[in-house]
ModelCIF file with pLDDT and N, C-alpha, C, O atoms, coordinates in Angstrom:
data_MODEL
#
_entry.id   MODEL 
#
_entity.id                         1 
_entity.type                       polymer 
_entity.pdbx_number_of_molecules   1 
#
_entity_poly.entity_id                      1 
_entity_poly.type                           'polypeptide(L)' 
_entity_poly.nstd_linkage                   no 
_entity_poly.nstd_monomer                   no 
_entity_poly.pdbx_seq_one_letter_code       KGSGAKSQFKNEVHIAVKWHSKGIAGKLHEIDLDPYQRKLFDDGCT 
_entity_poly.pdbx_seq_one_letter_code_can   KGSGAKSQFKNEVHIAVKWHSKGIAGKLHEIDLDPYQRKLFDDGCT 
_entity_poly.pdbx_strand_id                 A 
#
loop_
_entity_poly_seq.entity_id 
_entity_poly_seq.num 
_entity_poly_seq.mon_id 
_entity_poly_seq.hetero 
1 1  LYS n 
1 2  GLY n 
1 3  SER n 
1 4  GLY n 
1 5  ALA n 
1 6  LYS n 
1 7  SER n 
1 8  GLN n 
1 9  PHE n 
1 10 LYS n 
1 11 ASN n 
1 12 GLU n 
1 13 VAL n 
1 14 HIS n 
1 15 ILE n 
1 16 ALA n 
1 17 VAL n 
1 18 LYS n 
1 19 TRP n 
1 20 HIS n 
1 21 SER n 
1 22 LYS n 
1 23 GLY n 
1 24 ILE n 
1 25 ALA n 
1 26 GLY n 
1 27 LYS n 
1 28 LEU n 
1 29 HIS n 
1 30 GLU n 
1 31 ILE n 
1 32 ASP n 
1 33 LEU n 
1 34 ASP n 
1 35 PRO n 
1 36 TYR n 
1 37 GLN n 
1 38 ARG n 
1 39 LYS n 
1 40 LEU n 
1 41 PHE n 
1 42 ASP n 
1 43 ASP n 
1 44 GLY n 
1 45 CYS n 
1 46 THR n 
#
_struct_asym.id          A 
_struct_asym.entity_id   1 
#
loop_
_ma_qa_metric.id 
_ma_qa_metric.mode 
_ma_qa_metric.name 
_ma_qa_metric.software_group_id 
_ma_qa_metric.type 
1 global pLDDT . pLDDT 
2 local  pLDDT . pLDDT 
#
_ma_qa_metric_global.metric_id      1 
_ma_qa_metric_global.metric_value   83.41 
_ma_qa_metric_global.model_id       1 
_ma_qa_metric_global.ordinal_id     1 
#
loop_
_ma_qa_metric_local.label_asym_id 
_ma_qa_metric_local.label_comp_id 
_ma_qa_metric_local.label_seq_id 
_ma_qa_metric_local.metric_id 
_ma_qa_metric_local.metric_value 
_ma_qa_metric_local.model_id 
_ma_qa_metric_local.ordinal_id 
A LYS 1  2 92.00 1 1  
A GLY 2  2 90.00 1 2  
A SER 3  2 88.00 1 3  
A GLY 4  2 87.00 1 4  
A ALA 5  2 84.00 1 5  
A LYS 6  2 86.00 1 6  
A SER 7  2 84.00 1 7  
A GLN 8  2 79.00 1 8  
A PHE 9  2 82.00 1 9  
A LYS 10 2 83.00 1 10 
A ASN 11 2 85.00 1 11 
A GLU 12 2 88.00 1 12 
A VAL 13 2 89.00 1 13 
A HIS 14 2 88.00 1 14 
A ILE 15 2 90.00 1 15 
A ALA 16 2 88.00 1 16 
A VAL 17 2 88.00 1 17 
A LYS 18 2 86.00 1 18 
A TRP 19 2 83.00 1 19 
A HIS 20 2 79.00 1 20 
A SER 21 2 78.00 1 21 
A LYS 22 2 75.00 1 22 
A GLY 23 2 66.00 1 23 
A ILE 24 2 51.00 1 24 
A ALA 25 2 53.00 1 25 
A GLY 26 2 58.00 1 26 
A LYS 27 2 65.00 1 27 
A LEU 28 2 73.00 1 28 
A HIS 29 2 79.00 1 29 
A GLU 30 2 81.00 1 30 
A ILE 31 2 81.00 1 31 
A ASP 32 2 81.00 1 32 
A LEU 33 2 89.00 1 33 
A ASP 34 2 88.00 1 34 
A PRO 35 2 89.00 1 35 
A TYR 36 2 89.00 1 36 
A GLN 37 2 90.00 1 37 
A ARG 38 2 91.00 1 38 
A LYS 39 2 91.00 1 39 
A LEU 40 2 93.00 1 40 
A PHE 41 2 93.00 1 41 
A ASP 42 2 93.00 1 42 
A ASP 43 2 93.00 1 43 
A GLY 44 2 93.00 1 44 
A CYS 45 2 93.00 1 45 
A THR 46 2 92.00 1 46 
#
loop_
_atom_site.group_PDB 
_atom_site.id 
_atom_site.type_symbol 
_atom_site.label_atom_id 
_atom_site.label_alt_id 
_atom_site.label_comp_id 
_atom_site.label_asym_id 
_atom_site.label_entity_id 
_atom_site.label_seq_id 
_atom_site.pdbx_PDB_ins_code 
_atom_site.Cartn_x 
_atom_site.Cartn_y 
_atom_site.Cartn_z 
_atom_site.occupancy 
_atom_site.B_iso_or_equiv 
_atom_site.pdbx_formal_charge 
_atom_site.auth_seq_id 
_atom_site.auth_comp_id 
_atom_site.auth_asym_id 
_atom_site.auth_atom_id 
_atom_site.pdbx_PDB_model_num 
ATOM 1   N N  . LYS A 1 1  ? 0.880   -1.261  -0.060  1.00 92.00 ? 1  LYS A N  1 
ATOM 2   C CA . LYS A 1 1  ? 0.042   -0.067  0.038   1.00 92.00 ? 1  LYS A CA 1 
ATOM 3   C C  . LYS A 1 1  ? 0.832   1.288   -0.025  1.00 92.00 ? 1  LYS A C  1 
ATOM 4   O O  . LYS A 1 1  ? 0.563   2.170   -0.840  1.00 92.00 ? 1  LYS A O  1 
ATOM 5   N N  . GLY A 1 2  ? 1.792   1.368   0.874   1.00 90.00 ? 2  GLY A N  1 
ATOM 6   C CA . GLY A 1 2  ? 2.532   2.678   1.160   1.00 90.00 ? 2  GLY A CA 1 
ATOM 7   C C  . GLY A 1 2  ? 3.630   3.013   -0.034  1.00 90.00 ? 2  GLY A C  1 
ATOM 8   O O  . GLY A 1 2  ? 3.999   2.185   -0.867  1.00 90.00 ? 2  GLY A O  1 
ATOM 9   N N  . SER A 1 3  ? 4.019   4.194   0.030   1.00 88.00 ? 3  SER A N  1 
ATOM 10  C CA . SER A 1 3  ? 5.077   4.710   -0.899  1.00 88.00 ? 3  SER A CA 1 
ATOM 11  C C  . SER A 1 3  ? 6.478   3.844   -0.652  1.00 88.00 ? 3  SER A C  1 
ATOM 12  O O  . SER A 1 3  ? 7.327   3.537   -1.490  1.00 88.00 ? 3  SER A O  1 
ATOM 13  N N  . GLY A 1 4  ? 6.442   3.554   0.763   1.00 87.00 ? 4  GLY A N  1 
ATOM 14  C CA . GLY A 1 4  ? 7.855   2.861   1.068   1.00 87.00 ? 4  GLY A CA 1 
ATOM 15  C C  . GLY A 1 4  ? 7.876   1.559   0.409   1.00 87.00 ? 4  GLY A C  1 
ATOM 16  O O  . GLY A 1 4  ? 8.879   1.155   -0.179  1.00 87.00 ? 4  GLY A O  1 
ATOM 17  N N  . ALA A 1 5  ? 6.869   0.941   0.487   1.00 84.00 ? 5  ALA A N  1 
ATOM 18  C CA . ALA A 1 5  ? 6.750   -0.580  -0.051  1.00 84.00 ? 5  ALA A CA 1 
ATOM 19  C C  . ALA A 1 5  ? 6.891   -0.394  -1.468  1.00 84.00 ? 5  ALA A C  1 
ATOM 20  O O  . ALA A 1 5  ? 7.720   -1.122  -2.013  1.00 84.00 ? 5  ALA A O  1 
ATOM 21  N N  . LYS A 1 6  ? 6.133   0.591   -2.329  1.00 86.00 ? 6  LYS A N  1 
ATOM 22  C CA . LYS A 1 6  ? 6.281   0.687   -3.684  1.00 86.00 ? 6  LYS A CA 1 
ATOM 23  C C  . LYS A 1 6  ? 7.591   0.987   -4.108  1.00 86.00 ? 6  LYS A C  1 
ATOM 24  O O  . LYS A 1 6  ? 8.004   0.267   -5.017  1.00 86.00 ? 6  LYS A O  1 
ATOM 25  N N  . SER A 1 7  ? 8.395   1.907   -3.668  1.00 84.00 ? 7  SER A N  1 
ATOM 26  C CA . SER A 1 7  ? 9.793   2.156   -4.011  1.00 84.00 ? 7  SER A CA 1 
ATOM 27  C C  . SER A 1 7  ? 10.886  1.162   -3.531  1.00 84.00 ? 7  SER A C  1 
ATOM 28  O O  . SER A 1 7  ? 11.918  1.009   -4.185  1.00 84.00 ? 7  SER A O  1 
ATOM 29  N N  . GLN A 1 8  ? 10.658  0.532   -2.451  1.00 79.00 ? 8  GLN A N  1 
ATOM 30  C CA . GLN A 1 8  ? 11.536  -0.547  -1.996  1.00 79.00 ? 8  GLN A CA 1 
ATOM 31  C C  . GLN A 1 8  ? 11.636  -1.712  -2.974  1.00 79.00 ? 8  GLN A C  1 
ATOM 32  O O  . GLN A 1 8  ? 12.727  -2.247  -3.176  1.00 79.00 ? 8  GLN A O  1 
ATOM 33  N N  . PHE A 1 9  ? 10.476  -2.134  -3.613  1.00 82.00 ? 9  PHE A N  1 
ATOM 34  C CA . PHE A 1 9  ? 10.418  -3.326  -4.369  1.00 82.00 ? 9  PHE A CA 1 
ATOM 35  C C  . PHE A 1 9  ? 10.241  -2.989  -5.788  1.00 82.00 ? 9  PHE A C  1 
ATOM 36  O O  . PHE A 1 9  ? 10.041  -3.932  -6.554  1.00 82.00 ? 9  PHE A O  1 
ATOM 37  N N  . LYS A 1 10 ? 10.282  -1.796  -6.261  1.00 83.00 ? 10 LYS A N  1 
ATOM 38  C CA . LYS A 1 10 ? 10.026  -1.454  -7.670  1.00 83.00 ? 10 LYS A CA 1 
ATOM 39  C C  . LYS A 1 10 ? 10.831  -2.195  -8.668  1.00 83.00 ? 10 LYS A C  1 
ATOM 40  O O  . LYS A 1 10 ? 10.322  -2.650  -9.692  1.00 83.00 ? 10 LYS A O  1 
ATOM 41  N N  . ASN A 1 11 ? 12.221  -2.332  -8.342  1.00 85.00 ? 11 ASN A N  1 
ATOM 42  C CA . ASN A 1 11 ? 13.054  -3.129  -9.366  1.00 85.00 ? 11 ASN A CA 1 
ATOM 43  C C  . ASN A 1 11 ? 12.722  -4.456  -9.420  1.00 85.00 ? 11 ASN A C  1 
ATOM 44  O O  . ASN A 1 11 ? 12.604  -4.954  -10.539 1.00 85.00 ? 11 ASN A O  1 
ATOM 45  N N  . GLU A 1 12 ? 12.522  -5.233  -8.312  1.00 88.00 ? 12 GLU A N  1 
ATOM 46  C CA . GLU A 1 12 ? 12.002  -6.491  -8.421  1.00 88.00 ? 12 GLU A CA 1 
ATOM 47  C C  . GLU A 1 12 ? 10.634  -6.757  -9.055  1.00 88.00 ? 12 GLU A C  1 
ATOM 48  O O  . GLU A 1 12 ? 10.416  -7.794  -9.681  1.00 88.00 ? 12 GLU A O  1 
ATOM 49  N N  . VAL A 1 13 ? 9.777   -5.859  -8.890  1.00 89.00 ? 13 VAL A N  1 
ATOM 50  C CA . VAL A 1 13 ? 8.532   -5.836  -9.527  1.00 89.00 ? 13 VAL A CA 1 
ATOM 51  C C  . VAL A 1 13 ? 8.720   -5.810  -11.090 1.00 89.00 ? 13 VAL A C  1 
ATOM 52  O O  . VAL A 1 13 ? 7.983   -6.488  -11.806 1.00 89.00 ? 13 VAL A O  1 
ATOM 53  N N  . HIS A 1 14 ? 9.634   -5.084  -11.564 1.00 88.00 ? 14 HIS A N  1 
ATOM 54  C CA . HIS A 1 14 ? 9.787   -4.914  -12.955 1.00 88.00 ? 14 HIS A CA 1 
ATOM 55  C C  . HIS A 1 14 ? 10.463  -6.156  -13.452 1.00 88.00 ? 14 HIS A C  1 
ATOM 56  O O  . HIS A 1 14 ? 10.161  -6.531  -14.585 1.00 88.00 ? 14 HIS A O  1 
ATOM 57  N N  . ILE A 1 15 ? 11.283  -6.805  -12.803 1.00 90.00 ? 15 ILE A N  1 
ATOM 58  C CA . ILE A 1 15 ? 11.739  -8.137  -13.072 1.00 90.00 ? 15 ILE A CA 1 
ATOM 59  C C  . ILE A 1 15 ? 10.755  -9.155  -12.964 1.00 90.00 ? 15 ILE A C  1 
ATOM 60  O O  . ILE A 1 15 ? 10.836  -10.088 -13.763 1.00 90.00 ? 15 ILE A O  1 
ATOM 61  N N  . ALA A 1 16 ? 9.822   -9.149  -12.109 1.00 88.00 ? 16 ALA A N  1 
ATOM 62  C CA . ALA A 1 16 ? 8.587   -10.056 -12.010 1.00 88.00 ? 16 ALA A CA 1 
ATOM 63  C C  . ALA A 1 16 ? 7.744   -9.928  -13.166 1.00 88.00 ? 16 ALA A C  1 
ATOM 64  O O  . ALA A 1 16 ? 7.292   -10.937 -13.706 1.00 88.00 ? 16 ALA A O  1 
ATOM 65  N N  . VAL A 1 17 ? 7.504   -8.811  -13.577 1.00 88.00 ? 17 VAL A N  1 
ATOM 66  C CA . VAL A 1 17 ? 6.633   -8.668  -14.785 1.00 88.00 ? 17 VAL A CA 1 
ATOM 67  C C  . VAL A 1 17 ? 7.028   -9.164  -15.996 1.00 88.00 ? 17 VAL A C  1 
ATOM 68  O O  . VAL A 1 17 ? 6.232   -9.678  -16.781 1.00 88.00 ? 17 VAL A O  1 
ATOM 69  N N  . LYS A 1 18 ? 8.423   -9.025  -16.245 1.00 86.00 ? 18 LYS A N  1 
ATOM 70  C CA . LYS A 1 18 ? 9.037   -9.713  -17.336 1.00 86.00 ? 18 LYS A CA 1 
ATOM 71  C C  . LYS A 1 18 ? 9.056   -11.121 -17.277 1.00 86.00 ? 18 LYS A C  1 
ATOM 72  O O  . LYS A 1 18 ? 9.025   -11.763 -18.327 1.00 86.00 ? 18 LYS A O  1 
ATOM 73  N N  . TRP A 1 19 ? 9.102   -11.688 -16.171 1.00 83.00 ? 19 TRP A N  1 
ATOM 74  C CA . TRP A 1 19 ? 9.257   -13.148 -15.877 1.00 83.00 ? 19 TRP A CA 1 
ATOM 75  C C  . TRP A 1 19 ? 7.863   -13.679 -16.042 1.00 83.00 ? 19 TRP A C  1 
ATOM 76  O O  . TRP A 1 19 ? 7.716   -14.771 -16.589 1.00 83.00 ? 19 TRP A O  1 
ATOM 77  N N  . HIS A 1 20 ? 6.854   -13.015 -15.626 1.00 79.00 ? 20 HIS A N  1 
ATOM 78  C CA . HIS A 1 20 ? 5.500   -13.400 -15.830 1.00 79.00 ? 20 HIS A CA 1 
ATOM 79  C C  . HIS A 1 20 ? 5.046   -13.312 -17.127 1.00 79.00 ? 20 HIS A C  1 
ATOM 80  O O  . HIS A 1 20 ? 4.176   -14.109 -17.479 1.00 79.00 ? 20 HIS A O  1 
ATOM 81  N N  . SER A 1 21 ? 5.545   -12.348 -18.048 1.00 78.00 ? 21 SER A N  1 
ATOM 82  C CA . SER A 1 21 ? 5.136   -12.263 -19.348 1.00 78.00 ? 21 SER A CA 1 
ATOM 83  C C  . SER A 1 21 ? 5.672   -13.443 -20.257 1.00 78.00 ? 21 SER A C  1 
ATOM 84  O O  . SER A 1 21 ? 5.033   -13.841 -21.232 1.00 78.00 ? 21 SER A O  1 
ATOM 85  N N  . LYS A 1 22 ? 6.752   -13.914 -19.914 1.00 75.00 ? 22 LYS A N  1 
ATOM 86  C CA . LYS A 1 22 ? 7.424   -15.175 -20.582 1.00 75.00 ? 22 LYS A CA 1 
ATOM 87  C C  . LYS A 1 22 ? 6.970   -16.492 -20.135 1.00 75.00 ? 22 LYS A C  1 
ATOM 88  O O  . LYS A 1 22 ? 7.465   -17.536 -20.560 1.00 75.00 ? 22 LYS A O  1 
ATOM 89  N N  . GLY A 1 23 ? 5.980   -16.435 -19.234 1.00 66.00 ? 23 GLY A N  1 
ATOM 90  C CA . GLY A 1 23 ? 5.334   -17.806 -18.762 1.00 66.00 ? 23 GLY A CA 1 
ATOM 91  C C  . GLY A 1 23 ? 4.334   -18.239 -19.637 1.00 66.00 ? 23 GLY A C  1 
ATOM 92  O O  . GLY A 1 23 ? 3.998   -17.555 -20.604 1.00 66.00 ? 23 GLY A O  1 
ATOM 93  N N  . ILE A 1 24 ? 3.767   -19.465 -19.339 1.00 51.00 ? 24 ILE A N  1 
ATOM 94  C CA . ILE A 1 24 ? 2.738   -19.981 -20.245 1.00 51.00 ? 24 ILE A CA 1 
ATOM 95  C C  . ILE A 1 24 ? 1.427   -19.179 -20.001 1.00 51.00 ? 24 ILE A C  1 
ATOM 96  O O  . ILE A 1 24 ? 0.687   -18.963 -20.960 1.00 51.00 ? 24 ILE A O  1 
ATOM 97  N N  . ALA A 1 25 ? 1.127   -18.755 -18.832 1.00 53.00 ? 25 ALA A N  1 
ATOM 98  C CA . ALA A 1 25 ? -0.044  -17.868 -18.672 1.00 53.00 ? 25 ALA A CA 1 
ATOM 99  C C  . ALA A 1 25 ? 0.052   -16.600 -19.147 1.00 53.00 ? 25 ALA A C  1 
ATOM 100 O O  . ALA A 1 25 ? -0.976  -16.019 -19.496 1.00 53.00 ? 25 ALA A O  1 
ATOM 101 N N  . GLY A 1 26 ? 1.151   -16.052 -19.222 1.00 58.00 ? 26 GLY A N  1 
ATOM 102 C CA . GLY A 1 26 ? 1.269   -14.585 -19.796 1.00 58.00 ? 26 GLY A CA 1 
ATOM 103 C C  . GLY A 1 26 ? 0.932   -13.609 -18.650 1.00 58.00 ? 26 GLY A C  1 
ATOM 104 O O  . GLY A 1 26 ? 0.710   -14.043 -17.520 1.00 58.00 ? 26 GLY A O  1 
ATOM 105 N N  . LYS A 1 27 ? 0.896   -12.413 -18.912 1.00 65.00 ? 27 LYS A N  1 
ATOM 106 C CA . LYS A 1 27 ? 0.654   -11.454 -17.965 1.00 65.00 ? 27 LYS A CA 1 
ATOM 107 C C  . LYS A 1 27 ? -0.709  -11.625 -17.150 1.00 65.00 ? 27 LYS A C  1 
ATOM 108 O O  . LYS A 1 27 ? -1.687  -12.153 -17.678 1.00 65.00 ? 27 LYS A O  1 
ATOM 109 N N  . LEU A 1 28 ? -0.724  -11.173 -15.890 1.00 73.00 ? 28 LEU A N  1 
ATOM 110 C CA . LEU A 1 28 ? -1.876  -11.374 -15.008 1.00 73.00 ? 28 LEU A CA 1 
ATOM 111 C C  . LEU A 1 28 ? -2.821  -10.241 -15.432 1.00 73.00 ? 28 LEU A C  1 
ATOM 112 O O  . LEU A 1 28 ? -2.449  -9.086  -15.642 1.00 73.00 ? 28 LEU A O  1 
ATOM 113 N N  . HIS A 1 29 ? -4.143  -10.712 -15.542 1.00 79.00 ? 29 HIS A N  1 
ATOM 114 C CA . HIS A 1 29 ? -5.177  -9.764  -15.800 1.00 79.00 ? 29 HIS A CA 1 
ATOM 115 C C  . HIS A 1 29 ? -6.225  -9.817  -14.913 1.00 79.00 ? 29 HIS A C  1 
ATOM 116 O O  . HIS A 1 29 ? -6.406  -10.854 -14.275 1.00 79.00 ? 29 HIS A O  1 
ATOM 117 N N  . GLU A 1 30 ? -7.062  -8.709  -14.747 1.00 81.00 ? 30 GLU A N  1 
ATOM 118 C CA . GLU A 1 30 ? -8.096  -8.760  -13.573 1.00 81.00 ? 30 GLU A CA 1 
ATOM 119 C C  . GLU A 1 30 ? -8.945  -9.954  -13.706 1.00 81.00 ? 30 GLU A C  1 
ATOM 120 O O  . GLU A 1 30 ? -9.266  -10.575 -12.693 1.00 81.00 ? 30 GLU A O  1 
ATOM 121 N N  . ILE A 1 31 ? -9.358  -10.350 -14.943 1.00 81.00 ? 31 ILE A N  1 
ATOM 122 C CA . ILE A 1 31 ? -10.176 -11.637 -15.007 1.00 81.00 ? 31 ILE A CA 1 
ATOM 123 C C  . ILE A 1 31 ? -9.621  -12.857 -14.510 1.00 81.00 ? 31 ILE A C  1 
ATOM 124 O O  . ILE A 1 31 ? -10.349 -13.800 -14.202 1.00 81.00 ? 31 ILE A O  1 
ATOM 125 N N  . ASP A 1 32 ? -8.372  -12.897 -14.412 1.00 81.00 ? 32 ASP A N  1 
ATOM 126 C CA . ASP A 1 32 ? -7.601  -14.164 -14.002 1.00 81.00 ? 32 ASP A CA 1 
ATOM 127 C C  . ASP A 1 32 ? -7.571  -14.382 -12.396 1.00 81.00 ? 32 ASP A C  1 
ATOM 128 O O  . ASP A 1 32 ? -7.166  -15.458 -11.958 1.00 81.00 ? 32 ASP A O  1 
ATOM 129 N N  . LEU A 1 33 ? -7.943  -13.497 -11.645 1.00 89.00 ? 33 LEU A N  1 
ATOM 130 C CA . LEU A 1 33 ? -7.616  -13.339 -10.327 1.00 89.00 ? 33 LEU A CA 1 
ATOM 131 C C  . LEU A 1 33 ? -8.275  -14.386 -9.480  1.00 89.00 ? 33 LEU A C  1 
ATOM 132 O O  . LEU A 1 33 ? -9.500  -14.448 -9.576  1.00 89.00 ? 33 LEU A O  1 
ATOM 133 N N  . ASP A 1 34 ? -7.720  -15.153 -8.731  1.00 88.00 ? 34 ASP A N  1 
ATOM 134 C CA . ASP A 1 34 ? -8.274  -15.995 -7.709  1.00 88.00 ? 34 ASP A CA 1 
ATOM 135 C C  . ASP A 1 34 ? -9.007  -15.170 -6.493  1.00 88.00 ? 34 ASP A C  1 
ATOM 136 O O  . ASP A 1 34 ? -8.693  -13.994 -6.309  1.00 88.00 ? 34 ASP A O  1 
ATOM 137 N N  . PRO A 1 35 ? -9.900  -15.751 -5.742  1.00 89.00 ? 35 PRO A N  1 
ATOM 138 C CA . PRO A 1 35 ? -10.361 -14.984 -4.639  1.00 89.00 ? 35 PRO A CA 1 
ATOM 139 C C  . PRO A 1 35 ? -9.392  -14.320 -3.718  1.00 89.00 ? 35 PRO A C  1 
ATOM 140 O O  . PRO A 1 35 ? -9.669  -13.171 -3.373  1.00 89.00 ? 35 PRO A O  1 
ATOM 141 N N  . TYR A 1 36 ? -8.348  -14.843 -3.291  1.00 89.00 ? 36 TYR A N  1 
ATOM 142 C CA . TYR A 1 36 ? -7.396  -14.069 -2.415  1.00 89.00 ? 36 TYR A CA 1 
ATOM 143 C C  . TYR A 1 36 ? -6.670  -12.962 -3.124  1.00 89.00 ? 36 TYR A C  1 
ATOM 144 O O  . TYR A 1 36 ? -6.316  -11.956 -2.509  1.00 89.00 ? 36 TYR A O  1 
ATOM 145 N N  . GLN A 1 37 ? -6.430  -13.134 -4.469  1.00 90.00 ? 37 GLN A N  1 
ATOM 146 C CA . GLN A 1 37 ? -5.752  -12.175 -5.247  1.00 90.00 ? 37 GLN A CA 1 
ATOM 147 C C  . GLN A 1 37 ? -6.888  -11.096 -5.584  1.00 90.00 ? 37 GLN A C  1 
ATOM 148 O O  . GLN A 1 37 ? -6.489  -9.953  -5.806  1.00 90.00 ? 37 GLN A O  1 
ATOM 149 N N  . ARG A 1 38 ? -8.052  -11.308 -5.634  1.00 91.00 ? 38 ARG A N  1 
ATOM 150 C CA . ARG A 1 38 ? -9.096  -10.398 -5.928  1.00 91.00 ? 38 ARG A CA 1 
ATOM 151 C C  . ARG A 1 38 ? -9.377  -9.622  -4.611  1.00 91.00 ? 38 ARG A C  1 
ATOM 152 O O  . ARG A 1 38 ? -9.950  -8.533  -4.652  1.00 91.00 ? 38 ARG A O  1 
ATOM 153 N N  . LYS A 1 39 ? -8.988  -10.165 -3.485  1.00 91.00 ? 39 LYS A N  1 
ATOM 154 C CA . LYS A 1 39 ? -9.232  -9.329  -2.222  1.00 91.00 ? 39 LYS A CA 1 
ATOM 155 C C  . LYS A 1 39 ? -8.042  -8.336  -2.008  1.00 91.00 ? 39 LYS A C  1 
ATOM 156 O O  . LYS A 1 39 ? -8.210  -7.250  -1.453  1.00 91.00 ? 39 LYS A O  1 
ATOM 157 N N  . LEU A 1 40 ? -6.842  -8.760  -2.472  1.00 93.00 ? 40 LEU A N  1 
ATOM 158 C CA . LEU A 1 40 ? -5.725  -7.952  -2.410  1.00 93.00 ? 40 LEU A CA 1 
ATOM 159 C C  . LEU A 1 40 ? -5.876  -6.788  -3.458  1.00 93.00 ? 40 LEU A C  1 
ATOM 160 O O  . LEU A 1 40 ? -5.510  -5.638  -3.214  1.00 93.00 ? 40 LEU A O  1 
ATOM 161 N N  . PHE A 1 41 ? -6.443  -7.184  -4.640  1.00 93.00 ? 41 PHE A N  1 
ATOM 162 C CA . PHE A 1 41 ? -6.686  -6.246  -5.708  1.00 93.00 ? 41 PHE A CA 1 
ATOM 163 C C  . PHE A 1 41 ? -7.632  -5.165  -5.252  1.00 93.00 ? 41 PHE A C  1 
ATOM 164 O O  . PHE A 1 41 ? -7.348  -3.987  -5.470  1.00 93.00 ? 41 PHE A O  1 
ATOM 165 N N  . ASP A 1 42 ? -8.795  -5.521  -4.598  1.00 93.00 ? 42 ASP A N  1 
ATOM 166 C CA . ASP A 1 42 ? -9.665  -4.583  -4.223  1.00 93.00 ? 42 ASP A CA 1 
ATOM 167 C C  . ASP A 1 42 ? -9.201  -3.727  -3.040  1.00 93.00 ? 42 ASP A C  1 
ATOM 168 O O  . ASP A 1 42 ? -9.786  -2.668  -2.813  1.00 93.00 ? 42 ASP A O  1 
ATOM 169 N N  . ASP A 1 43 ? -8.219  -4.117  -2.306  1.00 93.00 ? 43 ASP A N  1 
ATOM 170 C CA . ASP A 1 43 ? -7.663  -3.387  -1.227  1.00 93.00 ? 43 ASP A CA 1 
ATOM 171 C C  . ASP A 1 43 ? -6.457  -2.532  -1.676  1.00 93.00 ? 43 ASP A C  1 
ATOM 172 O O  . ASP A 1 43 ? -5.745  -2.039  -0.801  1.00 93.00 ? 43 ASP A O  1 
ATOM 173 N N  . GLY A 1 44 ? -6.200  -2.337  -2.888  1.00 93.00 ? 44 GLY A N  1 
ATOM 174 C CA . GLY A 1 44 ? -5.254  -1.429  -3.521  1.00 93.00 ? 44 GLY A CA 1 
ATOM 175 C C  . GLY A 1 44 ? -3.976  -2.020  -4.136  1.00 93.00 ? 44 GLY A C  1 
ATOM 176 O O  . GLY A 1 44 ? -3.133  -1.300  -4.671  1.00 93.00 ? 44 GLY A O  1 
ATOM 177 N N  . CYS A 1 45 ? -3.860  -3.335  -4.044  1.00 93.00 ? 45 CYS A N  1 
ATOM 178 C CA . CYS A 1 45 ? -2.648  -3.989  -4.581  1.00 93.00 ? 45 CYS A CA 1 
ATOM 179 C C  . CYS A 1 45 ? -2.818  -4.141  -6.126  1.00 93.00 ? 45 CYS A C  1 
ATOM 180 O O  . CYS A 1 45 ? -3.809  -4.693  -6.606  1.00 93.00 ? 45 CYS A O  1 
ATOM 181 N N  . THR A 1 46 ? -1.764  -3.605  -6.911  1.00 92.00 ? 46 THR A N  1 
ATOM 182 C CA . THR A 1 46 ? -1.809  -3.520  -8.263  1.00 92.00 ? 46 THR A CA 1 
ATOM 183 C C  . THR A 1 46 ? -1.598  -4.871  -8.902  1.00 92.00 ? 46 THR A C  1 
ATOM 184 O O  . THR A 1 46 ? -1.608  -4.983  -10.128 1.00 92.00 ? 46 THR A O  1 
#
């Protein structure tokens, strides 16, 4: 949620997005979210 968390992990997030894009499932989309992921997404997690 906070700006500290967003700035601390931003480089790893960029690497993770690239990793996810190369996977079988491809990038994560809102329609793909399971119930727990949806809970986080609704709480502000991107």
